[in-house]
Amino acid sequence: MPDALDTLNEEIRTHTGCGFEICETATNIVPGEGSPTADVLLVGEAPGASEDMQGRPFVGRSGKLLDLLLAEAGLARDDVFITNVVKARPPGNRDPKADEVAHHWPWLEAQLQVIEPELIIPLGRHAMGRFVEGVTITEAHGRPVEQGEHGRTIVPWFHPAAAIYNRSLRESLHEDARRLGETLRA
């Protein structure tokens, strides 16, 4: 498994020449990182500026908060796998376009097949919308909302960046992390 994930991540990292603006303008395409046998996979929508510069997911301010939340759940980055739906930073930090998501989606599907996580945590409403339809992040955060493909449980969280800009969401995120920790220990 680790070899398959390394090969896939290298394919993603070295992707060029497709003609999609999102891929052509990125400094680094960010495949994700973490355990190739993780039971928990966290997925955001797309890399931000810090991630684009470093080629790693969630390394900016929201990444620092995510690290705290993982610790609160009794986890570390090495225990989970962290990635994004779209692997390249959209120009100007805009939302990814539907055709860009479709272009990148097979990579996420391949990562899910290789890693085989039991639990997927979409971070924020955009990522949640790729896995769950018909509910809002406010309704769904912190609790299982449906069984995904292959028996994987989907538990959306607010995006850590949202809690940075909207402090009222911070306590909800901490509660969700504590609940995850309780679930994993049970």
Protein backbone atom coordinates (compact mmCIF):
# COMPACT_ATOMS: atom_id res chain seq x y z
CA MET A 1 0.00 0.00 0.00
CA PRO A 2 2.63 2.62 0.88
CA ASP A 3 4.31 2.08 -2.50
CA ALA A 4 1.00 2.52 -4.34
CA LEU A 5 0.30 5.75 -2.47
CA ASP A 6 3.84 7.05 -3.08
CA THR A 7 3.45 6.33 -6.79
CA LEU A 8 0.06 8.04 -6.93
CA ASN A 9 1.30 11.06 -4.98
CA GLU A 10 4.29 11.40 -7.30
CA GLU A 11 1.94 11.28 -10.31
CA ILE A 12 -0.11 14.09 -8.76
CA ARG A 13 2.93 16.16 -7.74
CA THR A 14 4.50 16.01 -11.24
CA HIS A 15 1.27 16.61 -13.19
CA THR A 16 1.75 19.24 -15.93
CA GLY A 17 0.57 20.27 -19.35
CA CYS A 18 -3.14 19.54 -19.01
CA GLY A 19 -4.25 23.03 -20.02
CA PHE A 20 -6.36 23.68 -16.91
CA GLU A 21 -5.53 27.11 -15.50
CA ILE A 22 -5.60 25.75 -11.95
CA CYS A 23 -2.83 23.24 -12.73
CA GLU A 24 -0.78 25.55 -14.93
CA THR A 25 -0.64 28.45 -12.44
CA ALA A 26 0.03 26.48 -9.23
CA THR A 27 3.51 26.70 -7.71
CA ASN A 28 3.10 23.16 -6.36
CA ILE A 29 0.40 20.58 -6.87
CA VAL A 30 -0.39 19.21 -3.42
CA PRO A 31 -1.27 15.50 -3.30
CA GLY A 32 -1.69 15.25 0.47
CA GLU A 33 0.24 13.58 3.25
CA GLY A 34 -0.06 11.21 6.15
CA SER A 35 -0.42 7.54 6.86
CA PRO A 36 -0.96 5.26 3.86
CA THR A 37 -3.05 3.03 6.15
CA ALA A 38 -5.01 5.80 7.92
CA ASP A 39 -8.45 5.00 9.30
CA VAL A 40 -9.29 8.72 9.16
CA LEU A 41 -8.95 10.85 6.01
CA LEU A 42 -9.52 14.60 6.17
CA VAL A 43 -10.29 16.41 2.94
CA GLY A 44 -10.51 20.14 2.26
CA GLU A 45 -11.57 21.82 -0.97
CA ALA A 46 -8.23 23.13 -2.36
CA PRO A 47 -4.77 24.26 -1.24
CA GLY A 48 -4.32 27.85 -0.10
CA ALA A 49 -1.33 30.14 -0.55
CA SER A 50 0.86 28.53 2.15
CA GLU A 51 0.06 25.05 0.86
CA ASP A 52 0.83 26.08 -2.71
CA MET A 53 4.22 27.45 -1.64
CA GLN A 54 5.19 24.46 0.51
CA GLY A 55 3.53 21.66 -1.47
CA ARG A 56 1.87 20.32 1.71
CA PRO A 57 -1.77 20.39 2.85
CA PHE A 58 -3.02 22.51 5.74
CA VAL A 59 0.24 24.20 6.74
CA GLY A 60 -1.02 27.76 7.20
CA ARG A 61 -3.09 29.19 10.04
CA SER A 62 -5.93 26.75 9.45
CA GLY A 63 -3.39 23.90 9.50
CA LYS A 64 -2.18 24.95 12.94
CA LEU A 65 -5.77 24.86 14.19
CA LEU A 66 -6.30 21.48 12.50
CA ASP A 67 -3.24 20.12 14.32
CA LEU A 68 -4.75 21.26 17.64
CA LEU A 69 -8.07 19.63 16.77
CA LEU A 70 -6.36 16.36 15.84
CA ALA A 71 -4.47 16.41 19.15
CA GLU A 72 -7.75 17.00 20.97
CA ALA A 73 -9.08 13.86 19.27
CA GLY A 74 -5.95 11.95 20.31
CA LEU A 75 -4.48 11.94 16.81
CA ALA A 76 -1.46 13.39 15.02
CA ARG A 77 -0.87 14.16 11.35
CA ASP A 78 1.05 10.90 11.04
CA ASP A 79 -2.07 8.97 12.14
CA VAL A 80 -4.38 10.38 9.47
CA PHE A 81 -4.21 11.32 5.79
CA ILE A 82 -4.89 14.94 4.85
CA THR A 83 -5.69 16.00 1.29
CA ASN A 84 -8.01 18.18 -0.80
CA VAL A 85 -10.66 17.57 -3.43
CA VAL A 86 -8.65 19.76 -5.83
CA LYS A 87 -4.88 19.35 -5.64
CA ALA A 88 -3.87 22.76 -7.09
CA ARG A 89 -4.53 26.25 -5.71
CA PRO A 90 -7.17 28.11 -7.69
CA PRO A 91 -5.86 31.47 -8.95
CA GLY A 92 -6.78 34.28 -6.56
CA ASN A 93 -8.01 31.67 -4.07
CA ARG A 94 -11.34 31.47 -5.93
CA ASP A 95 -13.58 28.42 -5.62
CA PRO A 96 -12.61 25.60 -7.99
CA LYS A 97 -14.74 25.36 -11.12
CA ALA A 98 -16.83 22.25 -11.77
CA ASP A 99 -14.59 21.08 -14.62
CA GLU A 100 -11.50 21.52 -12.40
CA VAL A 101 -13.10 19.40 -9.68
CA ALA A 102 -13.96 16.76 -12.28
CA HIS A 103 -10.36 16.86 -13.55
CA HIS A 104 -8.92 16.27 -10.05
CA TRP A 105 -11.61 13.96 -8.65
CA PRO A 106 -10.10 10.70 -10.00
CA TRP A 107 -6.99 11.35 -7.90
CA LEU A 108 -9.06 11.61 -4.72
CA GLU A 109 -10.94 8.44 -5.67
CA ALA A 110 -7.62 6.66 -6.23
CA GLN A 111 -6.31 7.88 -2.85
CA LEU A 112 -9.46 6.56 -1.17
CA GLN A 113 -9.03 3.17 -2.87
CA VAL A 114 -5.38 2.89 -1.80
CA ILE A 115 -5.77 4.18 1.77
CA GLU A 116 -9.19 2.63 2.47
CA PRO A 117 -10.12 4.91 5.40
CA GLU A 118 -13.04 3.99 7.61
CA LEU A 119 -13.93 7.62 8.24
CA ILE A 120 -13.86 10.62 5.90
CA ILE A 121 -13.98 14.10 7.41
CA PRO A 122 -14.81 16.71 4.77
CA LEU A 123 -13.57 20.07 6.06
CA GLY A 124 -16.06 22.81 5.21
CA ARG A 125 -19.17 23.08 3.12
CA HIS A 126 -17.43 22.86 -0.25
CA ALA A 127 -15.69 19.56 0.54
CA MET A 128 -18.80 18.24 2.29
CA GLY A 129 -20.85 18.94 -0.82
CA ARG A 130 -18.67 16.49 -2.78
CA PHE A 131 -19.65 13.65 -0.42
CA VAL A 132 -23.04 14.55 1.03
CA GLU A 133 -26.06 16.21 -0.53
CA GLY A 134 -29.17 17.74 0.94
CA VAL A 135 -27.84 19.01 4.29
CA THR A 136 -25.93 22.08 5.35
CA ILE A 137 -22.63 22.02 7.21
CA THR A 138 -24.40 23.71 10.15
CA GLU A 139 -26.85 20.78 10.34
CA ALA A 140 -24.32 18.04 9.70
CA HIS A 141 -21.05 19.00 11.40
CA GLY A 142 -19.59 16.53 13.86
CA ARG A 143 -21.95 13.64 13.27
CA PRO A 144 -22.15 10.81 10.76
CA VAL A 145 -24.48 11.87 7.97
CA GLU A 146 -24.32 8.86 5.68
CA GLN A 147 -22.36 5.82 4.81
CA GLY A 148 -20.25 6.58 1.78
CA GLU A 149 -19.01 4.13 -0.78
CA HIS A 150 -17.27 1.04 0.54
CA GLY A 151 -18.87 1.43 3.99
CA ARG A 152 -16.96 4.58 4.86
CA THR A 153 -18.56 6.91 7.35
CA ILE A 154 -18.73 10.60 6.42
CA VAL A 155 -18.48 13.08 9.34
CA PRO A 156 -18.25 16.70 8.15
CA TRP A 157 -16.49 19.41 10.17
CA PHE A 158 -16.46 23.14 9.72
CA HIS A 159 -13.35 24.23 7.88
CA PRO A 160 -10.67 25.39 10.33
CA ALA A 161 -10.30 28.64 8.35
CA ALA A 162 -13.98 29.39 9.02
CA ALA A 163 -13.30 29.14 12.76
CA ILE A 164 -10.35 31.51 12.43
CA TYR A 165 -12.56 34.16 10.82
CA ASN A 166 -15.72 33.30 12.75
CA ARG A 167 -14.77 32.58 16.35
CA SER A 168 -18.27 31.34 17.18
CA LEU A 169 -17.49 28.21 15.13
CA ARG A 170 -14.32 27.43 17.08
CA GLU A 171 -16.10 25.79 20.04
CA SER A 172 -18.16 23.66 17.63
CA LEU A 173 -14.95 22.45 15.98
CA HIS A 174 -13.41 21.60 19.35
CA GLU A 175 -16.58 19.71 20.35
CA ASP A 176 -16.46 17.78 17.06
CA ALA A 177 -12.80 16.88 17.68
CA ARG A 178 -13.58 15.67 21.21
CA ARG A 179 -16.49 13.61 19.86
CA LEU A 180 -14.18 12.07 17.25
CA GLY A 181 -11.71 11.16 19.98
CA GLU A 182 -14.47 9.49 22.03
CA THR A 183 -15.66 7.58 18.97
CA LEU A 184 -12.17 6.36 18.13
CA ARG A 185 -11.52 5.25 21.72
CA ALA A 186 -14.85 3.37 21.94
